[in-house]
Amino acid sequence: VMSVSLPMTTYAANWYLEDGSVTVNADNSGQTVTQGSGSAVPDEAPVITQRGSSAETSNTITINASENATANVTISNVNIDTSGAAVSTGGKGNVNIELDGTNTLKSGRNHAGLEKNSDGNQGKLTITDENGNGKLIATGGDYGAGIGGSDRGNGSNITITGGEITAIGGTKGAGIGGGCFSNGNDITIAGGKVTATGGDFGAGIGGGNHGEGKNITITDGEVTAIGGLNGAGIGGGLRNNGEKITVSGDATLKVQGGPTDAWDGAGAGIGNGGY
């Protein structure tokens, strides 16, 4: 009798959020998708979508990548409004999210619209639009960023290479970067049309309330960054600094610092938050 060991079958499937929340896990042995209470299914290129994106769903997307692994996920015409994080990424590996169609993410209090907490040596989040048809509208709840950190969560190691991106921070969160009391560092925009608006006391791109914005690089694309009350357009949130901010290449940039209030000054267009 001869025993033959066959490799595990992998495929690329559509996963519909109407059928339940979706979790993607990537490690050195590959990538799996689990929906609801179902079993993990090998899938190296899942497309997470909805049958009818005009209707909001409270089901969510969670993407985890272990150290030295990369998770690859496409989100296509999703419309999520939830009390938690609409889309969250975690682990020490890298996460690549490809955008297809219009994707709307609204998260609840303490959460970012597209959440990436960057504590320790966590990996990189990259948002791409290879087909040139992708749009993302990510809105954080109070204390969360539009894209980046949750309440007291740093939003760092974030790269955008394409797509039409609108990131709106909740109160005390950055548009792209840190949540409340948190930093937004190591952020790169290398393409696309990006509009980032901070909530009160947060930067458009950079730190949330009392958070710094550091190592922010814009090399290409059309970028508009608007600070919330006392926040920088690009740089620090309220009472914190913006450092090592570089704009180069073919980038088109519009920045607006947040206004002053009765206690602290206005935020810089590029640089520090109000003091």
C-alpha atoms as a PDB file:
ATOM      1  CA  VAL A   1       0.000   0.000   0.000  1.00  0.00           C
ATOM      2  CA  MET A   2       1.439   3.353  -1.025  1.00  0.00           C
ATOM      3  CA  SER A   3       0.564   6.434   1.006  1.00  0.00           C
ATOM      4  CA  VAL A   4       0.491   9.763  -0.814  1.00  0.00           C
ATOM      5  CA  SER A   5       0.508  13.096   1.004  1.00  0.00           C
ATOM      6  CA  LEU A   6      -1.200  15.881  -0.943  1.00  0.00           C
ATOM      7  CA  PRO A   7      -0.745  19.588  -0.263  1.00  0.00           C
ATOM      8  CA  MET A   8      -3.596  21.508   1.327  1.00  0.00           C
ATOM      9  CA  THR A   9      -5.816  23.104  -1.330  1.00  0.00           C
ATOM     10  CA  THR A  10      -5.875  26.891  -1.361  1.00  0.00           C
ATOM     11  CA  TYR A  11      -8.089  29.200  -3.346  1.00  0.00           C
ATOM     12  CA  ALA A  12      -9.353  32.750  -3.615  1.00  0.00           C
ATOM     13  CA  ALA A  13     -12.983  33.131  -2.597  1.00  0.00           C
ATOM     14  CA  ASN A  14     -15.581  35.821  -1.992  1.00  0.00           C
ATOM     15  CA  TRP A  15     -16.598  36.134   1.651  1.00  0.00           C
ATOM     16  CA  TYR A  16     -19.886  37.950   2.230  1.00  0.00           C
ATOM     17  CA  LEU A  17     -20.231  39.941   5.441  1.00  0.00           C
ATOM     18  CA  GLU A  18     -23.974  39.285   5.554  1.00  0.00           C
ATOM     19  CA  ASP A  19     -23.000  35.728   6.543  1.00  0.00           C
ATOM     20  CA  GLY A  20     -20.979  36.821   9.592  1.00  0.00           C
ATOM     21  CA  SER A  21     -17.814  38.564  10.737  1.00  0.00           C
ATOM     22  CA  VAL A  22     -14.605  37.496   9.000  1.00  0.00           C
ATOM     23  CA  THR A  23     -11.202  36.772  10.541  1.00  0.00           C
ATOM     24  CA  VAL A  24      -8.059  36.331   8.436  1.00  0.00           C
ATOM     25  CA  ASN A  25      -4.973  34.752  10.017  1.00  0.00           C
ATOM     26  CA  ALA A  26      -1.593  34.593   8.300  1.00  0.00           C
ATOM     27  CA  ASP A  27       1.451  32.762   9.630  1.00  0.00           C
ATOM     28  CA  ASN A  28       4.479  30.982   8.208  1.00  0.00           C
ATOM     29  CA  SER A  29       2.338  28.031   7.113  1.00  0.00           C
ATOM     30  CA  GLY A  30      -0.069  30.150   5.042  1.00  0.00           C
ATOM     31  CA  GLN A  31      -3.274  32.113   5.375  1.00  0.00           C
ATOM     32  CA  THR A  32      -6.742  31.049   6.499  1.00  0.00           C
ATOM     33  CA  VAL A  33     -10.164  32.673   6.689  1.00  0.00           C
ATOM     34  CA  THR A  34     -12.760  31.976   9.369  1.00  0.00           C
ATOM     35  CA  GLN A  35     -16.323  33.292   9.183  1.00  0.00           C
ATOM     36  CA  GLY A  36     -18.599  33.351  12.189  1.00  0.00           C
ATOM     37  CA  SER A  37     -18.359  30.024  14.043  1.00  0.00           C
ATOM     38  CA  GLY A  38     -17.149  28.159  10.969  1.00  0.00           C
ATOM     39  CA  SER A  39     -13.876  26.317  10.454  1.00  0.00           C
ATOM     40  CA  ALA A  40     -10.692  27.937   9.159  1.00  0.00           C
ATOM     41  CA  VAL A  41     -10.418  27.672   5.362  1.00  0.00           C
ATOM     42  CA  PRO A  42      -7.097  28.106   3.511  1.00  0.00           C
ATOM     43  CA  ASP A  43      -7.348  31.172   1.272  1.00  0.00           C
ATOM     44  CA  GLU A  44      -4.324  33.146   0.112  1.00  0.00           C
ATOM     45  CA  ALA A  45      -6.306  35.926  -1.621  1.00  0.00           C
ATOM     46  CA  PRO A  46      -9.710  36.414   0.007  1.00  0.00           C
ATOM     47  CA  VAL A  47     -12.133  39.063  -1.243  1.00  0.00           C
ATOM     48  CA  ILE A  48     -14.350  40.328   1.563  1.00  0.00           C
ATOM     49  CA  THR A  49     -17.492  41.962   0.207  1.00  0.00           C
ATOM     50  CA  GLN A  50     -21.269  42.301   0.579  1.00  0.00           C
ATOM     51  CA  ARG A  51     -24.117  41.225  -1.631  1.00  0.00           C
ATOM     52  CA  GLY A  52     -25.729  44.623  -1.156  1.00  0.00           C
ATOM     53  CA  SER A  53     -23.413  47.379   0.047  1.00  0.00           C
ATOM     54  CA  SER A  54     -26.201  49.967   0.240  1.00  0.00           C
ATOM     55  CA  ALA A  55     -27.200  48.361   3.554  1.00  0.00           C
ATOM     56  CA  GLU A  56     -24.900  48.765   6.546  1.00  0.00           C
ATOM     57  CA  THR A  57     -23.705  45.701   8.418  1.00  0.00           C
ATOM     58  CA  SER A  58     -22.402  45.512  11.982  1.00  0.00           C
ATOM     59  CA  ASN A  59     -20.245  42.485  11.112  1.00  0.00           C
ATOM     60  CA  THR A  60     -16.534  43.188  11.155  1.00  0.00           C
ATOM     61  CA  ILE A  61     -13.200  42.232   9.587  1.00  0.00           C
ATOM     62  CA  THR A  62     -10.185  41.191  11.685  1.00  0.00           C
ATOM     63  CA  ILE A  63      -6.788  40.579  10.054  1.00  0.00           C
ATOM     64  CA  ASN A  64      -3.874  39.069  11.992  1.00  0.00           C
ATOM     65  CA  ALA A  65      -0.364  38.423  10.707  1.00  0.00           C
ATOM     66  CA  SER A  66       2.223  36.684  12.837  1.00  0.00           C
ATOM     67  CA  GLU A  67       5.892  37.626  12.845  1.00  0.00           C
ATOM     68  CA  ASN A  68       7.597  37.224   9.434  1.00  0.00           C
ATOM     69  CA  ALA A  69       4.240  36.587   7.746  1.00  0.00           C
ATOM     70  CA  THR A  70       2.116  38.796   5.442  1.00  0.00           C
ATOM     71  CA  ALA A  71      -1.665  38.838   5.233  1.00  0.00           C
ATOM     72  CA  ASN A  72      -3.178  39.777   1.856  1.00  0.00           C
ATOM     73  CA  VAL A  73      -6.836  40.808   1.766  1.00  0.00           C
ATOM     74  CA  THR A  74      -9.111  42.629  -0.702  1.00  0.00           C
ATOM     75  CA  ILE A  75     -12.085  44.563   0.619  1.00  0.00           C
ATOM     76  CA  SER A  76     -14.699  45.267  -2.031  1.00  0.00           C
ATOM     77  CA  ASN A  77     -17.788  47.440  -1.572  1.00  0.00           C
ATOM     78  CA  VAL A  78     -18.192  46.887   2.158  1.00  0.00           C
ATOM     79  CA  ASN A  79     -20.323  49.154   4.335  1.00  0.00           C
ATOM     80  CA  ILE A  80     -19.647  48.570   8.032  1.00  0.00           C
ATOM     81  CA  ASP A  81     -21.090  50.515  10.974  1.00  0.00           C
ATOM     82  CA  THR A  82     -20.319  48.902  14.308  1.00  0.00           C
ATOM     83  CA  SER A  83     -19.759  49.621  17.997  1.00  0.00           C
ATOM     84  CA  GLY A  84     -16.289  48.046  17.820  1.00  0.00           C
ATOM     85  CA  ALA A  85     -13.627  48.358  15.129  1.00  0.00           C
ATOM     86  CA  ALA A  86     -15.001  47.985  11.602  1.00  0.00           C
ATOM     87  CA  VAL A  87     -11.654  46.626  10.366  1.00  0.00           C
ATOM     88  CA  SER A  88      -8.805  45.826  12.752  1.00  0.00           C
ATOM     89  CA  THR A  89      -5.290  44.569  12.073  1.00  0.00           C
ATOM     90  CA  GLY A  90      -2.900  43.006  14.536  1.00  0.00           C
ATOM     91  CA  GLY A  91       0.185  40.891  15.024  1.00  0.00           C
ATOM     92  CA  LYS A  92       3.884  41.422  14.382  1.00  0.00           C
ATOM     93  CA  GLY A  93       3.624  40.641  10.644  1.00  0.00           C
ATOM     94  CA  ASN A  94       2.553  42.808   7.715  1.00  0.00           C
ATOM     95  CA  VAL A  95      -0.976  43.390   6.407  1.00  0.00           C
ATOM     96  CA  ASN A  96      -1.761  44.395   2.800  1.00  0.00           C
ATOM     97  CA  ILE A  97      -5.273  45.640   2.054  1.00  0.00           C
ATOM     98  CA  GLU A  98      -6.314  46.097  -1.582  1.00  0.00           C
ATOM     99  CA  LEU A  99      -9.291  48.391  -2.224  1.00  0.00           C
ATOM    100  CA  ASP A 100     -11.968  47.619  -4.810  1.00  0.00           C
ATOM    101  CA  GLY A 101     -15.100  49.737  -5.162  1.00  0.00           C
ATOM    102  CA  THR A 102     -16.365  52.007  -2.385  1.00  0.00           C
ATOM    103  CA  ASN A 103     -15.698  50.885   1.171  1.00  0.00           C
ATOM    104  CA  THR A 104     -17.222  52.686   4.152  1.00  0.00           C
ATOM    105  CA  LEU A 105     -15.983  51.953   7.673  1.00  0.00           C
ATOM    106  CA  LYS A 106     -17.540  53.524  10.790  1.00  0.00           C
ATOM    107  CA  SER A 107     -16.302  52.396  14.178  1.00  0.00           C
ATOM    108  CA  GLY A 108     -17.566  52.957  17.694  1.00  0.00           C
ATOM    109  CA  ARG A 109     -16.179  54.818  20.682  1.00  0.00           C
ATOM    110  CA  ASN A 110     -12.485  54.132  21.453  1.00  0.00           C
ATOM    111  CA  HIS A 111     -11.869  52.546  18.029  1.00  0.00           C
ATOM    112  CA  ALA A 112     -10.312  53.641  14.742  1.00  0.00           C
ATOM    113  CA  GLY A 113     -12.238  53.258  11.497  1.00  0.00           C
ATOM    114  CA  LEU A 114      -9.443  51.069  10.115  1.00  0.00           C
ATOM    115  CA  GLU A 115      -7.595  50.145  13.280  1.00  0.00           C
ATOM    116  CA  LYS A 116      -3.892  49.428  13.557  1.00  0.00           C
ATOM    117  CA  ASN A 117      -2.302  49.606  16.964  1.00  0.00           C
ATOM    118  CA  SER A 118       1.470  49.744  16.698  1.00  0.00           C
ATOM    119  CA  ASP A 119       2.925  48.770  20.033  1.00  0.00           C
ATOM    120  CA  GLY A 120       6.298  47.088  20.180  1.00  0.00           C
ATOM    121  CA  ASN A 121       7.664  45.920  16.843  1.00  0.00           C
ATOM    122  CA  GLN A 122       4.347  45.360  15.136  1.00  0.00           C
ATOM    123  CA  GLY A 123       4.473  45.113  11.336  1.00  0.00           C
ATOM    124  CA  LYS A 124       3.352  47.425   8.560  1.00  0.00           C
ATOM    125  CA  LEU A 125      -0.120  48.154   7.227  1.00  0.00           C
ATOM    126  CA  THR A 126      -0.166  48.910   3.488  1.00  0.00           C
ATOM    127  CA  ILE A 127      -3.271  50.151   1.670  1.00  0.00           C
ATOM    128  CA  THR A 128      -3.183  49.674  -2.101  1.00  0.00           C
ATOM    129  CA  ASP A 129      -5.385  50.158  -5.162  1.00  0.00           C
ATOM    130  CA  GLU A 130      -3.831  48.157  -7.976  1.00  0.00           C
ATOM    131  CA  ASN A 131      -6.877  48.423 -10.259  1.00  0.00           C
ATOM    132  CA  GLY A 132      -7.374  52.153  -9.788  1.00  0.00           C
ATOM    133  CA  ASN A 133     -11.008  51.749  -8.734  1.00  0.00           C
ATOM    134  CA  GLY A 134     -10.735  51.733  -4.948  1.00  0.00           C
ATOM    135  CA  LYS A 135     -12.235  54.134  -2.448  1.00  0.00           C
ATOM    136  CA  LEU A 136     -12.101  54.086   1.345  1.00  0.00           C
ATOM    137  CA  ILE A 137     -14.004  56.251   3.831  1.00  0.00           C
ATOM    138  CA  ALA A 138     -12.813  55.438   7.357  1.00  0.00           C
ATOM    139  CA  THR A 139     -14.330  57.241  10.350  1.00  0.00           C
ATOM    140  CA  GLY A 140     -13.122  56.693  13.888  1.00  0.00           C
ATOM    141  CA  GLY A 141     -15.277  56.800  16.985  1.00  0.00           C
ATOM    142  CA  ASP A 142     -14.470  59.182  19.839  1.00  0.00           C
ATOM    143  CA  TYR A 143     -10.791  58.811  20.846  1.00  0.00           C
ATOM    144  CA  GLY A 144      -9.934  56.744  17.743  1.00  0.00           C
ATOM    145  CA  ALA A 145      -8.175  57.724  14.525  1.00  0.00           C
ATOM    146  CA  GLY A 146      -9.753  57.439  11.107  1.00  0.00           C
ATOM    147  CA  ILE A 147      -6.906  55.108  10.094  1.00  0.00           C
ATOM    148  CA  GLY A 148      -4.497  54.070  12.836  1.00  0.00           C
ATOM    149  CA  GLY A 149      -4.715  53.847  16.595  1.00  0.00           C
ATOM    150  CA  SER A 150      -7.551  53.231  18.992  1.00  0.00           C
ATOM    151  CA  ASP A 151      -7.877  55.098  22.296  1.00  0.00           C
ATOM    152  CA  ARG A 152      -4.352  55.212  23.772  1.00  0.00           C
ATOM    153  CA  GLY A 153      -3.110  53.215  20.801  1.00  0.00           C
ATOM    154  CA  ASN A 154      -0.304  54.416  18.543  1.00  0.00           C
ATOM    155  CA  GLY A 155      -0.966  54.388  14.805  1.00  0.00           C
ATOM    156  CA  SER A 156       2.391  53.808  13.149  1.00  0.00           C
ATOM    157  CA  ASN A 157       4.014  51.923  10.263  1.00  0.00           C
ATOM    158  CA  ILE A 158       1.229  52.833   7.837  1.00  0.00           C
ATOM    159  CA  THR A 159       1.742  53.161   4.060  1.00  0.00           C
ATOM    160  CA  ILE A 160      -0.769  54.264   1.413  1.00  0.00           C
ATOM    161  CA  THR A 161       0.150  53.715  -2.242  1.00  0.00           C
ATOM    162  CA  GLY A 162      -3.161  54.373  -4.003  1.00  0.00           C
ATOM    163  CA  GLY A 163      -6.899  54.794  -3.818  1.00  0.00           C
ATOM    164  CA  GLU A 164      -9.214  57.629  -2.952  1.00  0.00           C
ATOM    165  CA  ILE A 165      -8.875  57.734   0.824  1.00  0.00           C
ATOM    166  CA  THR A 166     -10.918  59.802   3.272  1.00  0.00           C
ATOM    167  CA  ALA A 167      -9.854  59.369   6.910  1.00  0.00           C
ATOM    168  CA  ILE A 168     -11.769  61.191   9.638  1.00  0.00           C
ATOM    169  CA  GLY A 169     -10.609  61.024  13.226  1.00  0.00           C
ATOM    170  CA  GLY A 170     -13.004  60.914  16.125  1.00  0.00           C
ATOM    171  CA  THR A 171     -12.709  63.465  18.923  1.00  0.00           C
ATOM    172  CA  LYS A 172      -9.069  63.487  20.107  1.00  0.00           C
ATOM    173  CA  GLY A 173      -7.958  61.163  17.295  1.00  0.00           C
ATOM    174  CA  ALA A 174      -5.869  61.908  14.196  1.00  0.00           C
ATOM    175  CA  GLY A 175      -7.223  61.491  10.702  1.00  0.00           C
ATOM    176  CA  ILE A 176      -4.326  59.120   9.977  1.00  0.00           C
ATOM    177  CA  GLY A 177      -2.113  58.249  12.940  1.00  0.00           C
ATOM    178  CA  GLY A 178      -2.615  58.090  16.675  1.00  0.00           C
ATOM    179  CA  GLY A 179      -5.659  57.742  18.849  1.00  0.00           C
ATOM    180  CA  CYS A 180      -6.155  59.809  21.990  1.00  0.00           C
ATOM    181  CA  PHE A 181      -2.919  60.324  23.972  1.00  0.00           C
ATOM    182  CA  SER A 182      -1.032  58.440  21.261  1.00  0.00           C
ATOM    183  CA  ASN A 183       1.503  58.964  18.508  1.00  0.00           C
ATOM    184  CA  GLY A 184       1.376  58.689  14.752  1.00  0.00           C
ATOM    185  CA  ASN A 185       4.861  57.804  13.491  1.00  0.00           C
ATOM    186  CA  ASP A 186       6.395  56.211  10.394  1.00  0.00           C
ATOM    187  CA  ILE A 187       3.556  57.096   8.026  1.00  0.00           C
ATOM    188  CA  THR A 188       4.172  57.124   4.249  1.00  0.00           C
ATOM    189  CA  ILE A 189       1.909  58.281   1.428  1.00  0.00           C
ATOM    190  CA  ALA A 190       3.233  57.282  -1.981  1.00  0.00           C
ATOM    191  CA  GLY A 191       0.188  57.694  -4.204  1.00  0.00           C
ATOM    192  CA  GLY A 192      -3.542  58.123  -4.367  1.00  0.00           C
ATOM    193  CA  LYS A 193      -5.848  60.951  -3.382  1.00  0.00           C
ATOM    194  CA  VAL A 194      -5.806  61.227   0.400  1.00  0.00           C
ATOM    195  CA  THR A 195      -7.865  63.526   2.622  1.00  0.00           C
ATOM    196  CA  ALA A 196      -7.158  63.238   6.350  1.00  0.00           C
ATOM    197  CA  THR A 197      -9.063  65.295   8.929  1.00  0.00           C
ATOM    198  CA  GLY A 198      -8.258  65.182  12.620  1.00  0.00           C
ATOM    199  CA  GLY A 199     -10.862  65.265  15.357  1.00  0.00           C
ATOM    200  CA  ASP A 200     -10.630  67.979  17.995  1.00  0.00           C
ATOM    201  CA  PHE A 201      -7.062  68.068  19.393  1.00  0.00           C
ATOM    202  CA  GLY A 202      -5.769  65.613  16.763  1.00  0.00           C
ATOM    203  CA  ALA A 203      -3.591  66.167  13.698  1.00  0.00           C
ATOM    204  CA  GLY A 204      -4.783  65.524  10.175  1.00  0.00           C
ATOM    205  CA  ILE A 205      -1.815  63.173   9.760  1.00  0.00           C
ATOM    206  CA  GLY A 206       0.250  62.407  12.859  1.00  0.00           C
ATOM    207  CA  GLY A 207      -0.531  62.483  16.548  1.00  0.00           C
ATOM    208  CA  GLY A 208      -3.797  62.272  18.373  1.00  0.00           C
ATOM    209  CA  ASN A 209      -4.508  64.429  21.424  1.00  0.00           C
ATOM    210  CA  HIS A 210      -1.150  64.996  23.187  1.00  0.00           C
ATOM    211  CA  GLY A 211       0.527  62.671  20.659  1.00  0.00           C
ATOM    212  CA  GLU A 212       3.561  63.316  18.460  1.00  0.00           C
ATOM    213  CA  GLY A 213       3.745  62.962  14.694  1.00  0.00           C
ATOM    214  CA  LYS A 214       7.171  61.828  13.515  1.00  0.00           C
ATOM    215  CA  ASN A 215       8.789  60.314  10.427  1.00  0.00           C
ATOM    216  CA  ILE A 216       5.955  61.255   8.076  1.00  0.00           C
ATOM    217  CA  THR A 217       6.887  61.023   4.387  1.00  0.00           C
ATOM    218  CA  ILE A 218       4.834  62.048   1.347  1.00  0.00           C
ATOM    219  CA  THR A 219       6.415  61.189  -2.006  1.00  0.00           C
ATOM    220  CA  ASP A 220       3.495  61.113  -4.454  1.00  0.00           C
ATOM    221  CA  GLY A 221      -0.241  61.606  -4.722  1.00  0.00           C
ATOM    222  CA  GLU A 222      -2.662  64.371  -3.873  1.00  0.00           C
ATOM    223  CA  VAL A 223      -2.797  64.899  -0.119  1.00  0.00           C
ATOM    224  CA  THR A 224      -5.038  67.187   1.936  1.00  0.00           C
ATOM    225  CA  ALA A 225      -4.383  67.246   5.695  1.00  0.00           C
ATOM    226  CA  ILE A 226      -6.581  69.259   8.056  1.00  0.00           C
ATOM    227  CA  GLY A 227      -5.910  69.454  11.766  1.00  0.00           C
ATOM    228  CA  GLY A 228      -8.671  69.393  14.353  1.00  0.00           C
ATOM    229  CA  LEU A 229      -8.918  72.030  17.082  1.00  0.00           C
ATOM    230  CA  ASN A 230      -5.315  72.802  18.207  1.00  0.00           C
ATOM    231  CA  GLY A 231      -3.922  70.015  15.993  1.00  0.00           C
ATOM    232  CA  ALA A 232      -1.386  70.349  13.184  1.00  0.00           C
ATOM    233  CA  GLY A 233      -2.319  69.589   9.614  1.00  0.00           C
ATOM    234  CA  ILE A 234       0.666  67.227   9.540  1.00  0.00           C
ATOM    235  CA  GLY A 235       2.567  66.639  12.767  1.00  0.00           C
ATOM    236  CA  GLY A 236       1.625  66.828  16.409  1.00  0.00           C
ATOM    237  CA  GLY A 237      -1.671  66.767  18.192  1.00  0.00           C
ATOM    238  CA  LEU A 238      -2.486  69.170  21.005  1.00  0.00           C
ATOM    239  CA  ARG A 239       0.671  70.122  22.980  1.00  0.00           C
ATOM    240  CA  ASN A 240       2.993  67.810  21.104  1.00  0.00           C
ATOM    241  CA  ASN A 241       5.545  67.990  18.358  1.00  0.00           C
ATOM    242  CA  GLY A 242       5.786  67.194  14.687  1.00  0.00           C
ATOM    243  CA  GLU A 243       9.259  66.084  13.571  1.00  0.00           C
ATOM    244  CA  LYS A 244      10.975  64.654  10.496  1.00  0.00           C
ATOM    245  CA  ILE A 245       8.207  65.477   8.030  1.00  0.00           C
ATOM    246  CA  THR A 246       9.286  65.181   4.379  1.00  0.00           C
ATOM    247  CA  VAL A 247       7.412  66.078   1.195  1.00  0.00           C
ATOM    248  CA  SER A 248       9.110  65.257  -2.106  1.00  0.00           C
ATOM    249  CA  GLY A 249       8.668  63.869  -5.615  1.00  0.00           C
ATOM    250  CA  ASP A 250       5.401  64.520  -7.427  1.00  0.00           C
ATOM    251  CA  ALA A 251       3.297  65.023  -4.307  1.00  0.00           C
ATOM    252  CA  THR A 252       0.621  67.715  -4.266  1.00  0.00           C
ATOM    253  CA  LEU A 253      -0.007  68.936  -0.748  1.00  0.00           C
ATOM    254  CA  LYS A 254      -2.660  71.082   0.934  1.00  0.00           C
ATOM    255  CA  VAL A 255      -2.417  71.555   4.696  1.00  0.00           C
ATOM    256  CA  GLN A 256      -4.419  73.427   7.270  1.00  0.00           C
ATOM    257  CA  GLY A 257      -3.647  73.633  10.963  1.00  0.00           C
ATOM    258  CA  GLY A 258      -6.512  73.443  13.420  1.00  0.00           C
ATOM    259  CA  PRO A 259      -7.838  76.648  15.010  1.00  0.00           C
ATOM    260  CA  THR A 260      -7.061  77.951  18.476  1.00  0.00           C
ATOM    261  CA  ASP A 261      -9.357  77.768  21.478  1.00  0.00           C
ATOM    262  CA  ALA A 262      -9.486  79.675  24.762  1.00  0.00           C
ATOM    263  CA  TRP A 263      -6.586  77.728  26.278  1.00  0.00           C
ATOM    264  CA  ASP A 264      -4.174  76.633  23.556  1.00  0.00           C
ATOM    265  CA  GLY A 265      -2.860  77.981  20.273  1.00  0.00           C
ATOM    266  CA  ALA A 266      -3.637  76.943  16.750  1.00  0.00           C
ATOM    267  CA  GLY A 267      -1.881  73.974  15.213  1.00  0.00           C
ATOM    268  CA  ALA A 268       0.771  74.480  12.560  1.00  0.00           C
ATOM    269  CA  GLY A 269       0.142  73.550   8.965  1.00  0.00           C
ATOM    270  CA  ILE A 270       3.200  71.312   9.205  1.00  0.00           C
ATOM    271  CA  GLY A 271       4.834  70.864  12.578  1.00  0.00           C
ATOM    272  CA  ASN A 272       3.645  71.145  16.146  1.00  0.00           C
ATOM    273  CA  GLY A 273       0.188  71.095  17.635  1.00  0.00           C
ATOM    274  CA  GLY A 274      -1.034  74.101  19.572  1.00  0.00           C
ATOM    275  CA  TYR A 275       0.490  74.976  22.959  1.00  0.00           C
END
